[in-house]
Amino acid sequence: MLNTPLHRLNETHIQSVTKQDGSWSIEFSNGDSLEILCLWRLLEDNLISSTSEDHDKDFGWKQRFDGVIALSALADKTIVNVSMLPETGDIGIKFENETILQVVPVSAGLVSWRFIQSDGSGFIAKSGQLHPL
């Protein structure tokens, strides 16, 4: 795992979640933000419980799945560990209840995610590599 400024998210909480077109934006309690432009998934009990691909699908349920609600439901949970795979740019954000938010880049050419620190600095992940903003 690569040590990146993502460690700044340890001991924080999700403040808000928004979705616009093909991106998801998560604001954290320390003022940092993560814009996800690729697949994300939630793991609960070591199983995939939902993904960004599930958003707005009903699966025969009474109501459609809402990814904003699913991510926002973690707002009262403290982040206990954040890691990134240097080969791919995959991110793992582990919450105190053992739920893990995984960000999974799926393109070699497109920007997968942007991490913006509260001071405005940050970086993007493209092709598994980090680039400063």
Protein backbone atom coordinates (compact mmCIF):
# COMPACT_ATOMS: atom_id res chain seq x y z
CA MET A 1 0.00 0.00 0.00
CA LEU A 2 1.23 3.47 -0.87
CA ASN A 3 1.43 6.18 1.78
CA THR A 4 -0.37 9.20 0.32
CA PRO A 5 -2.13 12.25 1.76
CA LEU A 6 -5.24 10.04 1.82
CA HIS A 7 -4.14 9.14 5.36
CA ARG A 8 -5.54 12.57 6.30
CA LEU A 9 -8.96 10.94 6.20
CA ASN A 10 -8.17 8.71 9.21
CA GLU A 11 -10.32 9.64 12.21
CA THR A 12 -12.68 11.76 10.07
CA HIS A 13 -16.28 11.20 8.99
CA ILE A 14 -18.24 11.64 5.80
CA GLN A 15 -19.82 15.09 5.91
CA SER A 16 -21.86 14.93 2.70
CA VAL A 17 -22.29 12.97 -0.52
CA THR A 18 -23.49 14.27 -3.88
CA LYS A 19 -23.87 12.72 -7.30
CA GLN A 20 -23.70 14.68 -10.53
CA ASP A 21 -23.71 13.02 -13.94
CA GLY A 22 -21.00 10.33 -13.80
CA SER A 23 -19.22 11.47 -10.65
CA TRP A 24 -19.69 11.09 -6.92
CA SER A 25 -18.35 13.68 -4.50
CA ILE A 26 -17.67 12.93 -0.85
CA GLU A 27 -16.88 15.78 1.54
CA PHE A 28 -15.16 14.82 4.80
CA SER A 29 -15.32 16.40 8.24
CA ASN A 30 -11.74 17.76 7.93
CA GLY A 31 -12.61 19.74 4.78
CA ASP A 32 -10.98 17.31 2.32
CA SER A 33 -12.99 15.87 -0.56
CA LEU A 34 -12.85 12.89 -2.88
CA GLU A 35 -14.42 13.01 -6.32
CA ILE A 36 -14.97 9.50 -7.67
CA LEU A 37 -15.16 9.19 -11.47
CA CYS A 38 -15.03 5.40 -11.60
CA LEU A 39 -16.64 2.39 -9.96
CA TRP A 40 -17.03 2.29 -6.20
CA ARG A 41 -18.35 -0.52 -4.06
CA LEU A 42 -19.22 -1.12 -0.44
CA LEU A 43 -18.13 -4.29 1.33
CA GLU A 44 -20.03 -5.45 4.40
CA ASP A 45 -19.17 -8.72 6.14
CA ASN A 46 -16.52 -9.25 3.42
CA LEU A 47 -19.20 -9.28 0.69
CA ILE A 48 -20.16 -6.68 -1.91
CA SER A 49 -23.28 -5.02 -0.53
CA SER A 50 -23.66 -2.35 -3.24
CA THR A 51 -21.82 -0.53 -6.02
CA SER A 52 -22.11 2.68 -7.96
CA GLU A 53 -23.48 0.53 -10.81
CA ASP A 54 -26.49 -0.32 -8.62
CA HIS A 55 -27.56 3.34 -8.34
CA ASP A 56 -31.13 4.00 -9.46
CA LYS A 57 -31.89 0.32 -10.14
CA ASP A 58 -34.79 -1.37 -8.39
CA PHE A 59 -33.81 -5.07 -8.54
CA GLY A 60 -37.49 -5.85 -7.86
CA TRP A 61 -37.29 -4.09 -4.50
CA LYS A 62 -39.93 -1.66 -3.25
CA GLN A 63 -37.72 1.30 -4.08
CA ARG A 64 -34.72 1.99 -6.26
CA PHE A 65 -31.23 1.77 -4.77
CA ASP A 66 -29.79 5.20 -4.01
CA GLY A 67 -25.99 5.32 -3.78
CA VAL A 68 -26.04 8.76 -2.16
CA ILE A 69 -28.15 7.38 0.68
CA ALA A 70 -25.93 4.27 0.99
CA LEU A 71 -22.73 6.33 1.27
CA SER A 72 -24.35 8.96 3.49
CA ALA A 73 -25.43 6.21 5.90
CA LEU A 74 -21.74 5.91 6.85
CA ALA A 75 -21.59 9.53 8.07
CA ASP A 76 -21.83 8.54 11.73
CA LYS A 77 -18.95 6.04 11.40
CA THR A 78 -15.32 7.03 11.95
CA ILE A 79 -12.80 6.21 9.24
CA VAL A 80 -10.15 3.96 10.79
CA ASN A 81 -7.87 3.22 7.83
CA VAL A 82 -7.28 4.48 4.28
CA SER A 83 -5.02 2.72 1.80
CA MET A 84 -4.18 2.89 -1.89
CA LEU A 85 -2.69 0.27 -4.19
CA PRO A 86 0.20 1.94 -6.04
CA GLU A 87 -0.14 -0.29 -9.12
CA THR A 88 -3.77 0.55 -9.82
CA GLY A 89 -4.85 3.57 -7.77
CA ASP A 90 -7.50 1.49 -5.96
CA ILE A 91 -8.53 3.09 -2.67
CA GLY A 92 -9.83 1.30 0.42
CA ILE A 93 -11.56 3.36 3.13
CA LYS A 94 -12.38 1.30 6.19
CA PHE A 95 -14.96 2.49 8.70
CA GLU A 96 -15.24 1.59 12.38
CA ASN A 97 -18.14 -0.81 11.68
CA GLU A 98 -15.85 -2.81 9.33
CA THR A 99 -17.61 -1.51 6.20
CA ILE A 100 -15.10 -0.76 3.45
CA LEU A 101 -15.60 1.72 0.62
CA GLN A 102 -13.47 0.63 -2.32
CA VAL A 103 -12.76 2.95 -5.25
CA VAL A 104 -11.92 0.83 -8.28
CA PRO A 105 -10.41 2.52 -11.36
CA VAL A 106 -11.60 0.84 -14.55
CA SER A 107 -9.88 2.87 -17.28
CA ALA A 108 -6.25 3.15 -18.29
CA GLY A 109 -6.78 6.55 -19.89
CA LEU A 110 -9.37 8.44 -17.88
CA VAL A 111 -9.00 10.19 -14.53
CA SER A 112 -10.38 7.80 -11.93
CA TRP A 113 -10.60 10.06 -8.89
CA ARG A 114 -9.53 13.41 -7.47
CA PHE A 115 -8.49 14.04 -3.89
CA ILE A 116 -8.62 17.69 -2.85
CA GLN A 117 -7.27 18.74 0.52
CA SER A 118 -8.89 21.50 2.55
CA ASP A 119 -6.12 23.93 1.48
CA GLY A 120 -6.96 23.36 -2.21
CA SER A 121 -3.96 21.18 -3.02
CA GLY A 122 -4.38 17.58 -4.05
CA PHE A 123 -3.88 15.04 -6.75
CA ILE A 124 -5.63 12.91 -9.33
CA ALA A 125 -5.29 9.24 -10.18
CA LYS A 126 -4.97 8.32 -13.84
CA SER A 127 -3.73 4.95 -15.12
CA GLY A 128 -2.95 4.02 -11.51
CA GLN A 129 -0.50 6.92 -11.21
CA LEU A 130 -0.84 10.00 -9.00
CA HIS A 131 -0.49 13.46 -10.49
CA PRO A 132 -0.61 16.77 -8.56
CA LEU A 133 -3.51 19.11 -9.30
